[in-house]
C-alpha atoms as a PDB file:
ATOM      1  CA  MET A   1     -15.173  13.806  -5.436  1.00  0.00           C
ATOM      2  CA  ASN A   2     -12.426  15.183  -7.650  1.00  0.00           C
ATOM      3  CA  THR A   3      -9.446  14.013  -5.692  1.00  0.00           C
ATOM      4  CA  VAL A   4      -5.962  15.273  -6.449  1.00  0.00           C
ATOM      5  CA  VAL A   5      -3.182  13.351  -4.848  1.00  0.00           C
ATOM      6  CA  LYS A   6       0.550  13.508  -5.280  1.00  0.00           C
ATOM      7  CA  LEU A   7       3.055  10.726  -4.872  1.00  0.00           C
ATOM      8  CA  GLN A   8       6.325  11.871  -3.349  1.00  0.00           C
ATOM      9  CA  PHE A   9       9.734  10.273  -2.752  1.00  0.00           C
ATOM     10  CA  VAL A  10      10.476   9.862   0.900  1.00  0.00           C
ATOM     11  CA  THR A  11      13.100  12.314   2.158  1.00  0.00           C
ATOM     12  CA  LYS A  12      14.837  12.333   5.492  1.00  0.00           C
ATOM     13  CA  ALA A  13      12.847  15.525   6.321  1.00  0.00           C
ATOM     14  CA  ASP A  14       9.590  13.581   5.836  1.00  0.00           C
ATOM     15  CA  LEU A  15      10.327  10.854   8.355  1.00  0.00           C
ATOM     16  CA  LYS A  16       9.012  12.629  11.484  1.00  0.00           C
ATOM     17  CA  GLN A  17       5.684  13.644   9.907  1.00  0.00           C
ATOM     18  CA  TRP A  18       5.315  10.172   8.409  1.00  0.00           C
ATOM     19  CA  TRP A  19       5.862   8.575  11.788  1.00  0.00           C
ATOM     20  CA  GLU A  20       3.451  10.980  13.473  1.00  0.00           C
ATOM     21  CA  LYS A  21       0.769  10.144  10.928  1.00  0.00           C
ATOM     22  CA  SER A  22       1.320   6.380  11.099  1.00  0.00           C
ATOM     23  CA  TYR A  23       2.369   5.583  14.660  1.00  0.00           C
ATOM     24  CA  GLY A  24       2.688   8.786  16.671  1.00  0.00           C
ATOM     25  CA  PRO A  25       0.712   9.591  19.802  1.00  0.00           C
ATOM     26  CA  GLU A  26      -2.077  11.265  17.856  1.00  0.00           C
ATOM     27  CA  ALA A  27      -2.156   8.655  15.034  1.00  0.00           C
ATOM     28  CA  ASP A  28      -5.350   6.842  14.066  1.00  0.00           C
ATOM     29  CA  LEU A  29      -4.105   3.271  14.343  1.00  0.00           C
ATOM     30  CA  LYS A  30      -7.236   1.752  12.830  1.00  0.00           C
ATOM     31  CA  TRP A  31      -5.212   1.022   9.644  1.00  0.00           C
ATOM     32  CA  MET A  32      -3.252  -1.612  11.579  1.00  0.00           C
ATOM     33  CA  GLN A  33      -6.451  -3.671  11.949  1.00  0.00           C
ATOM     34  CA  PHE A  34      -6.533  -4.210   8.203  1.00  0.00           C
ATOM     35  CA  ASN A  35      -2.888  -4.128   7.046  1.00  0.00           C
ATOM     36  CA  GLY A  36      -1.933  -7.730   7.777  1.00  0.00           C
ATOM     37  CA  PRO A  37      -2.901  -7.712  11.489  1.00  0.00           C
ATOM     38  CA  TYR A  38      -2.183 -11.426  11.715  1.00  0.00           C
ATOM     39  CA  PHE A  39       1.499 -10.579  11.500  1.00  0.00           C
ATOM     40  CA  GLN A  40       0.997  -8.597  14.719  1.00  0.00           C
ATOM     41  CA  GLY A  41       3.378  -5.791  13.834  1.00  0.00           C
ATOM     42  CA  PRO A  42       4.246  -3.460  16.684  1.00  0.00           C
ATOM     43  CA  VAL A  43       3.396   0.231  17.016  1.00  0.00           C
ATOM     44  CA  LEU A  44       6.809   1.594  16.184  1.00  0.00           C
ATOM     45  CA  THR A  45       8.551   4.118  18.371  1.00  0.00           C
ATOM     46  CA  TRP A  46      10.058   7.174  16.660  1.00  0.00           C
ATOM     47  CA  GLU A  47      13.533   5.703  17.040  1.00  0.00           C
ATOM     48  CA  ALA A  48      12.598   2.280  15.596  1.00  0.00           C
ATOM     49  CA  PHE A  49      10.706   3.903  12.718  1.00  0.00           C
ATOM     50  CA  TYR A  50      13.599   6.259  11.910  1.00  0.00           C
ATOM     51  CA  ASP A  51      16.191   3.460  12.007  1.00  0.00           C
ATOM     52  CA  HIS A  52      14.077   1.249   9.768  1.00  0.00           C
ATOM     53  CA  HIS A  53      13.087   3.818   7.131  1.00  0.00           C
ATOM     54  CA  LEU A  54      16.238   5.951   6.927  1.00  0.00           C
ATOM     55  CA  THR A  55      18.074   3.360   4.868  1.00  0.00           C
ATOM     56  CA  ARG A  56      15.147   1.462   3.401  1.00  0.00           C
ATOM     57  CA  SER A  57      12.751   4.204   2.288  1.00  0.00           C
ATOM     58  CA  VAL A  58      14.519   7.510   1.691  1.00  0.00           C
ATOM     59  CA  ASN A  59      14.740   8.110  -2.087  1.00  0.00           C
ATOM     60  CA  ASN A  60      13.619   4.534  -2.787  1.00  0.00           C
ATOM     61  CA  PRO A  61      11.546   4.423  -5.996  1.00  0.00           C
ATOM     62  CA  MET A  62       9.659   1.403  -4.556  1.00  0.00           C
ATOM     63  CA  ARG A  63       8.276   3.375  -1.650  1.00  0.00           C
ATOM     64  CA  LYS A  64       6.459   6.714  -1.815  1.00  0.00           C
ATOM     65  CA  LEU A  65       4.288   8.894   0.378  1.00  0.00           C
ATOM     66  CA  ILE A  66       0.763   9.877  -0.569  1.00  0.00           C
ATOM     67  CA  ILE A  67       0.286  13.624  -0.224  1.00  0.00           C
ATOM     68  CA  TYR A  68      -3.161  15.165  -0.041  1.00  0.00           C
ATOM     69  CA  ASN A  69      -3.729  18.888   0.688  1.00  0.00           C
ATOM     70  CA  GLY A  70      -0.010  19.211   1.400  1.00  0.00           C
ATOM     71  CA  THR A  71      -0.016  16.557   4.116  1.00  0.00           C
ATOM     72  CA  ILE A  72       1.185  12.992   4.265  1.00  0.00           C
ATOM     73  CA  VAL A  73      -1.922  10.804   4.355  1.00  0.00           C
ATOM     74  CA  GLY A  74      -0.471   7.415   3.450  1.00  0.00           C
ATOM     75  CA  GLU A  75       2.245   5.344   1.878  1.00  0.00           C
ATOM     76  CA  LEU A  76       2.768   3.113  -1.150  1.00  0.00           C
ATOM     77  CA  SER A  77       5.148   0.232  -1.408  1.00  0.00           C
ATOM     78  CA  ALA A  78       6.350  -2.353  -3.887  1.00  0.00           C
ATOM     79  CA  TYR A  79       8.399  -5.479  -3.338  1.00  0.00           C
ATOM     80  CA  TRP A  80       9.595  -8.451  -5.311  1.00  0.00           C
ATOM     81  CA  THR A  81       7.794 -11.687  -4.363  1.00  0.00           C
ATOM     82  CA  ASP A  82      10.421 -13.659  -6.250  1.00  0.00           C
ATOM     83  CA  GLY A  83      13.506 -11.946  -4.769  1.00  0.00           C
ATOM     84  CA  THR A  84      16.413 -11.327  -7.109  1.00  0.00           C
ATOM     85  CA  LEU A  85      14.602 -12.736 -10.143  1.00  0.00           C
ATOM     86  CA  LYS A  86      12.545  -9.495 -10.151  1.00  0.00           C
ATOM     87  CA  GLN A  87       9.661 -10.678 -12.287  1.00  0.00           C
ATOM     88  CA  TRP A  88       6.779 -10.695  -9.745  1.00  0.00           C
ATOM     89  CA  LEU A  89       6.017  -7.298  -8.264  1.00  0.00           C
ATOM     90  CA  GLU A  90       3.530  -6.866  -5.432  1.00  0.00           C
ATOM     91  CA  LEU A  91       2.184  -3.450  -4.431  1.00  0.00           C
ATOM     92  CA  GLY A  92       0.849  -2.060  -1.181  1.00  0.00           C
ATOM     93  CA  ILE A  93      -1.031   0.982   0.062  1.00  0.00           C
ATOM     94  CA  VAL A  94      -1.945   2.331   3.446  1.00  0.00           C
ATOM     95  CA  LEU A  95      -4.036   5.404   4.268  1.00  0.00           C
ATOM     96  CA  PHE A  96      -3.352   6.265   7.893  1.00  0.00           C
ATOM     97  CA  ASP A  97      -6.414   8.290   8.905  1.00  0.00           C
ATOM     98  CA  SER A  98      -9.616   6.314   8.666  1.00  0.00           C
ATOM     99  CA  ASP A  99     -11.487   9.603   8.039  1.00  0.00           C
ATOM    100  CA  SER A 100      -9.726   9.718   4.660  1.00  0.00           C
ATOM    101  CA  TRP A 101     -11.086   6.272   3.590  1.00  0.00           C
ATOM    102  CA  GLY A 102     -13.879   6.129   1.014  1.00  0.00           C
ATOM    103  CA  HIS A 103     -13.145   9.509  -0.571  1.00  0.00           C
ATOM    104  CA  GLY A 104     -11.184   8.383  -3.642  1.00  0.00           C
ATOM    105  CA  ILE A 105      -7.724   9.272  -2.278  1.00  0.00           C
ATOM    106  CA  GLY A 106      -6.539   5.683  -2.212  1.00  0.00           C
ATOM    107  CA  THR A 107      -7.981   4.952  -5.664  1.00  0.00           C
ATOM    108  CA  ALA A 108      -6.277   7.980  -7.213  1.00  0.00           C
ATOM    109  CA  ALA A 109      -2.958   7.202  -5.469  1.00  0.00           C
ATOM    110  CA  PHE A 110      -3.027   3.515  -6.374  1.00  0.00           C
ATOM    111  CA  ARG A 111      -3.749   4.202 -10.060  1.00  0.00           C
ATOM    112  CA  LEU A 112      -0.726   6.522 -10.136  1.00  0.00           C
ATOM    113  CA  TRP A 113       1.356   3.898  -8.345  1.00  0.00           C
ATOM    114  CA  ILE A 114       0.440   1.125 -10.784  1.00  0.00           C
ATOM    115  CA  GLN A 115       1.407   3.402 -13.690  1.00  0.00           C
ATOM    116  CA  GLU A 116       4.646   4.388 -12.022  1.00  0.00           C
ATOM    117  CA  MET A 117       5.613   0.784 -11.442  1.00  0.00           C
ATOM    118  CA  PHE A 118       4.865  -0.176 -15.057  1.00  0.00           C
ATOM    119  CA  ASP A 119       6.946   2.830 -16.202  1.00  0.00           C
ATOM    120  CA  LEU A 120       9.799   1.994 -13.830  1.00  0.00           C
ATOM    121  CA  PHE A 121       9.881  -1.675 -14.804  1.00  0.00           C
ATOM    122  CA  SER A 122       9.050  -1.530 -18.473  1.00  0.00           C
ATOM    123  CA  TYR A 123       9.589  -5.269 -18.968  1.00  0.00           C
ATOM    124  CA  LEU A 124       6.928  -6.344 -16.477  1.00  0.00           C
ATOM    125  CA  PRO A 125       3.572  -7.588 -17.906  1.00  0.00           C
ATOM    126  CA  HIS A 126       1.817  -7.806 -14.475  1.00  0.00           C
ATOM    127  CA  VAL A 127       1.620  -6.153 -11.037  1.00  0.00           C
ATOM    128  CA  GLY A 128      -0.687  -7.072  -8.201  1.00  0.00           C
ATOM    129  CA  PHE A 129      -1.291  -7.264  -4.503  1.00  0.00           C
ATOM    130  CA  THR A 130      -2.392  -9.822  -1.967  1.00  0.00           C
ATOM    131  CA  THR A 131      -4.881  -8.993   0.767  1.00  0.00           C
ATOM    132  CA  TRP A 132      -7.108 -10.913   3.102  1.00  0.00           C
ATOM    133  CA  SER A 133     -10.871 -11.428   3.269  1.00  0.00           C
ATOM    134  CA  GLY A 134     -11.050  -9.205   6.384  1.00  0.00           C
ATOM    135  CA  ASN A 135      -9.895  -6.201   4.384  1.00  0.00           C
ATOM    136  CA  LYS A 136     -12.941  -5.327   2.293  1.00  0.00           C
ATOM    137  CA  GLY A 137     -11.578  -1.850   1.480  1.00  0.00           C
ATOM    138  CA  MET A 138      -8.560  -3.314  -0.288  1.00  0.00           C
ATOM    139  CA  GLN A 139     -10.733  -5.633  -2.312  1.00  0.00           C
ATOM    140  CA  VAL A 140     -12.935  -2.698  -3.412  1.00  0.00           C
ATOM    141  CA  LEU A 141      -9.799  -0.738  -4.311  1.00  0.00           C
ATOM    142  CA  GLY A 142      -8.593  -3.570  -6.517  1.00  0.00           C
ATOM    143  CA  GLU A 143     -11.905  -3.590  -8.408  1.00  0.00           C
ATOM    144  CA  LYS A 144     -12.013   0.245  -8.688  1.00  0.00           C
ATOM    145  CA  VAL A 145      -8.598   0.382 -10.340  1.00  0.00           C
ATOM    146  CA  GLY A 146      -9.521  -2.360 -12.830  1.00  0.00           C
ATOM    147  CA  MET A 147      -7.677  -5.257 -11.340  1.00  0.00           C
ATOM    148  CA  THR A 148      -8.829  -8.842 -11.648  1.00  0.00           C
ATOM    149  CA  LYS A 149      -9.372 -11.111  -8.684  1.00  0.00           C
ATOM    150  CA  GLU A 150      -6.883 -13.765  -9.644  1.00  0.00           C
ATOM    151  CA  GLY A 151      -7.087 -16.187  -6.754  1.00  0.00           C
ATOM    152  CA  VAL A 152      -8.349 -17.086  -3.357  1.00  0.00           C
ATOM    153  CA  ILE A 153      -6.486 -19.303  -0.964  1.00  0.00           C
ATOM    154  CA  ARG A 154      -9.085 -20.345   1.549  1.00  0.00           C
ATOM    155  CA  ASN A 155      -8.654 -20.258   5.311  1.00  0.00           C
ATOM    156  CA  VAL A 156      -4.945 -19.489   5.556  1.00  0.00           C
ATOM    157  CA  ARG A 157      -4.881 -16.194   7.465  1.00  0.00           C
ATOM    158  CA  TYR A 158      -5.498 -16.740  11.138  1.00  0.00           C
ATOM    159  CA  TRP A 159      -6.555 -13.745  13.219  1.00  0.00           C
ATOM    160  CA  LYS A 160      -8.369 -13.477  16.519  1.00  0.00           C
ATOM    161  CA  SER A 161      -9.269 -17.196  16.577  1.00  0.00           C
ATOM    162  CA  GLU A 162     -10.728 -17.116  13.040  1.00  0.00           C
ATOM    163  CA  TYR A 163      -9.518 -18.161   9.655  1.00  0.00           C
ATOM    164  CA  TYR A 164      -9.683 -15.782   6.661  1.00  0.00           C
ATOM    165  CA  ASP A 165      -8.909 -16.195   2.970  1.00  0.00           C
ATOM    166  CA  ALA A 166      -5.850 -14.738   1.229  1.00  0.00           C
ATOM    167  CA  ILE A 167      -6.958 -12.947  -1.913  1.00  0.00           C
ATOM    168  CA  LYS A 168      -4.807 -12.061  -4.916  1.00  0.00           C
ATOM    169  CA  TYR A 169      -5.527  -9.192  -7.318  1.00  0.00           C
ATOM    170  CA  GLY A 170      -3.577  -8.250 -10.422  1.00  0.00           C
ATOM    171  CA  ILE A 171      -3.539  -6.207 -13.543  1.00  0.00           C
ATOM    172  CA  LEU A 172      -1.696  -6.616 -16.856  1.00  0.00           C
ATOM    173  CA  ARG A 173       0.125  -3.738 -18.494  1.00  0.00           C
ATOM    174  CA  ASN A 174      -2.236  -3.854 -21.509  1.00  0.00           C
ATOM    175  CA  GLU A 175      -5.272  -3.489 -19.197  1.00  0.00           C
ATOM    176  CA  ILE A 176      -4.295  -0.104 -17.760  1.00  0.00           C
ATOM    177  CA  LYS A 177      -5.387   1.850 -20.813  1.00  0.00           C
ATOM    178  CA  GLN A 178      -8.763   2.287 -18.981  1.00  0.00           C
ATOM    179  CA  PHE A 179      -7.063   4.638 -16.471  1.00  0.00           C
END
Protein backbone atom coordinates (compact mmCIF):
# COMPACT_ATOMS: atom_id res chain seq x y z
CA MET A 1 0.00 0.00 0.00
CA ASN A 2 1.36 3.41 -0.94
CA THR A 3 0.43 5.27 2.21
CA VAL A 4 0.64 9.04 2.37
CA VAL A 5 0.36 10.48 5.84
CA LYS A 6 0.83 13.96 7.15
CA LEU A 7 2.02 15.03 10.58
CA GLN A 8 0.28 18.15 11.83
CA PHE A 9 0.76 20.46 14.80
CA VAL A 10 -2.17 20.30 17.19
CA THR A 11 -4.32 23.42 17.05
CA LYS A 12 -7.15 24.40 19.36
CA ALA A 13 -9.54 23.73 16.45
CA ASP A 14 -8.34 20.10 16.27
CA LEU A 15 -9.10 19.24 19.88
CA LYS A 16 -12.74 18.22 19.40
CA GLN A 17 -12.09 15.90 16.44
CA TRP A 18 -9.04 14.45 18.22
CA TRP A 19 -11.16 13.69 21.30
CA GLU A 20 -13.96 12.21 19.17
CA LYS A 21 -11.48 9.88 17.43
CA SER A 22 -9.68 8.85 20.62
CA TYR A 23 -12.30 8.84 23.41
CA GLY A 24 -15.64 10.05 22.04
CA PRO A 25 -18.86 8.03 22.06
CA GLU A 26 -18.12 6.55 18.60
CA ALA A 27 -14.40 5.94 19.26
CA ASP A 28 -12.84 2.51 18.79
CA LEU A 29 -11.20 2.16 22.19
CA LYS A 30 -9.29 -1.00 21.28
CA TRP A 31 -6.08 1.10 21.21
CA MET A 32 -6.34 1.45 25.00
CA GLN A 33 -5.79 -2.33 25.37
CA PHE A 34 -2.26 -1.92 23.96
CA ASN A 35 -1.15 1.58 24.96
CA GLY A 36 0.10 0.86 28.48
CA PRO A 37 -3.16 -0.66 29.77
CA TYR A 38 -1.45 -1.56 33.05
CA PHE A 39 -1.53 2.16 33.91
CA GLN A 40 -5.33 1.91 33.71
CA GLY A 41 -5.83 5.34 32.17
CA PRO A 42 -9.43 6.54 32.11
CA VAL A 43 -11.60 7.19 29.08
CA LEU A 44 -11.39 10.96 29.12
CA THR A 45 -14.46 13.15 28.98
CA TRP A 46 -14.42 16.02 26.49
CA GLU A 47 -13.83 18.50 29.32
CA ALA A 48 -10.92 16.55 30.85
CA PHE A 49 -9.35 16.01 27.41
CA TYR A 50 -9.68 19.69 26.51
CA ASP A 51 -8.23 20.87 29.82
CA HIS A 52 -5.30 18.47 29.54
CA HIS A 53 -4.38 19.11 25.91
CA LEU A 54 -5.11 22.82 25.53
CA THR A 55 -1.93 23.82 27.35
CA ARG A 56 0.18 20.68 26.84
CA SER A 57 -0.39 19.83 23.18
CA VAL A 58 -1.45 22.86 21.12
CA ASN A 59 1.51 23.96 18.97
CA ASN A 60 3.85 21.67 20.92
CA PRO A 61 6.56 20.31 18.57
CA MET A 62 6.76 17.16 20.72
CA ARG A 63 3.17 16.18 19.98
CA LYS A 64 1.56 15.94 16.56
CA LEU A 65 -1.52 14.47 14.97
CA ILE A 66 -1.42 11.85 12.23
CA ILE A 67 -3.60 12.88 9.31
CA TYR A 68 -4.69 10.35 6.69
CA ASN A 69 -7.23 11.22 3.97
CA GLY A 70 -7.82 14.58 5.66
CA THR A 71 -8.83 13.01 8.98
CA ILE A 72 -7.10 12.62 12.31
CA VAL A 73 -6.26 8.94 12.68
CA GLY A 74 -3.70 9.04 15.46
CA GLU A 75 -1.17 10.93 17.50
CA LEU A 76 2.58 11.05 18.01
CA SER A 77 4.39 12.08 21.15
CA ALA A 78 7.90 12.56 22.47
CA TYR A 79 9.11 13.04 26.03
CA TRP A 80 12.35 13.28 27.92
CA THR A 81 13.06 10.20 30.03
CA ASP A 82 15.83 12.08 31.82
CA GLY A 83 13.85 15.27 32.55
CA THR A 84 15.71 18.57 32.24
CA LEU A 85 18.94 16.90 31.11
CA LYS A 86 17.22 16.36 27.71
CA GLN A 87 19.50 13.68 26.35
CA TRP A 88 17.17 10.64 26.31
CA LEU A 89 14.13 11.06 24.07
CA GLU A 90 11.35 8.48 23.98
CA LEU A 91 8.72 8.45 21.24
CA GLY A 92 5.13 7.24 21.12
CA ILE A 93 2.44 6.56 18.56
CA VAL A 94 -1.23 5.66 18.72
CA LEU A 95 -3.57 4.88 15.84
CA PHE A 96 -7.10 5.18 17.20
CA ASP A 97 -9.16 3.09 14.79
CA SER A 98 -8.13 -0.57 14.78
CA ASP A 99 -9.31 -0.81 11.15
CA SER A 100 -6.36 1.43 10.23
CA TRP A 101 -3.81 -0.96 11.78
CA GLY A 102 -1.66 -3.07 9.47
CA HIS A 103 -1.91 -0.77 6.43
CA GLY A 104 1.39 1.08 6.70
CA ILE A 105 -0.07 4.29 8.17
CA GLY A 106 1.76 3.91 11.49
CA THR A 107 5.01 2.93 9.80
CA ALA A 108 4.94 5.95 7.49
CA ALA A 109 4.01 8.31 10.35
CA PHE A 110 6.63 6.93 12.73
CA ARG A 111 9.40 7.24 10.12
CA LEU A 112 8.47 10.89 9.64
CA TRP A 113 8.35 11.38 13.42
CA ILE A 114 11.80 9.88 13.97
CA GLN A 115 13.22 12.17 11.29
CA GLU A 116 11.44 15.21 12.75
CA MET A 117 12.81 14.51 16.21
CA PHE A 118 16.37 14.11 14.91
CA ASP A 119 15.94 17.37 12.97
CA LEU A 120 14.48 19.19 15.98
CA PHE A 121 17.15 17.95 18.37
CA SER A 122 20.22 17.93 16.15
CA TYR A 123 22.53 16.99 19.03
CA LEU A 124 20.79 13.70 19.85
CA PRO A 125 22.47 10.49 18.70
CA HIS A 126 19.54 8.19 19.70
CA VAL A 127 15.74 8.07 19.96
CA GLY A 128 13.62 5.15 20.98
CA PHE A 129 10.50 3.81 22.62
CA THR A 130 9.52 1.36 25.29
CA THR A 131 6.61 -1.03 24.86
CA TRP A 132 5.45 -4.24 26.48
CA SER A 133 5.36 -7.83 25.28
CA GLY A 134 1.56 -7.68 24.98
CA ASN A 135 1.84 -5.06 22.22
CA LYS A 136 3.03 -7.08 19.22
CA GLY A 137 2.09 -4.31 16.79
CA MET A 138 4.49 -1.85 18.38
CA GLN A 139 7.30 -4.40 18.25
CA VAL A 140 6.64 -5.00 14.55
CA LEU A 141 6.60 -1.23 13.98
CA GLY A 142 10.02 -0.87 15.64
CA GLU A 143 11.45 -3.52 13.33
CA LYS A 144 9.80 -2.03 10.21
CA VAL A 145 11.33 1.39 10.81
CA GLY A 146 14.79 -0.08 11.33
CA MET A 147 15.03 0.13 15.09
CA THR A 148 17.07 -2.29 17.15
CA LYS A 149 15.60 -4.23 20.04
CA GLU A 150 17.90 -2.88 22.73
CA GLY A 151 16.63 -4.54 25.85
CA VAL A 152 14.06 -6.66 27.59
CA ILE A 153 13.19 -6.29 31.24
CA ARG A 154 11.41 -9.49 32.09
CA ASN A 155 8.15 -9.78 33.99
CA VAL A 156 7.75 -6.16 35.12
CA ARG A 157 4.45 -5.13 33.52
CA TYR A 158 1.51 -6.56 35.41
CA TRP A 159 -1.83 -6.67 33.63
CA LYS A 160 -4.91 -8.82 34.18
CA SER A 161 -3.14 -11.11 36.67
CA GLU A 162 -0.21 -11.76 34.30
CA TYR A 163 3.33 -10.47 34.05
CA TYR A 164 4.69 -9.14 30.76
CA ASP A 165 8.10 -7.92 29.66
CA ALA A 166 9.04 -4.29 29.06
CA ILE A 167 10.81 -4.01 25.70
CA LYS A 168 13.07 -1.18 24.56
CA TYR A 169 13.68 -0.25 20.92
CA GLY A 170 15.97 2.45 19.59
CA ILE A 171 17.66 3.87 16.56
CA LEU A 172 20.81 5.94 16.13
CA ARG A 173 20.89 9.02 13.94
CA ASN A 174 23.41 7.39 11.57
CA GLU A 175 21.07 4.42 11.06
CA ILE A 176 18.19 6.41 9.58
CA LYS A 177 19.77 6.73 6.15
CA GLN A 178 17.85 3.57 5.22
CA PHE A 179 14.59 5.56 5.34
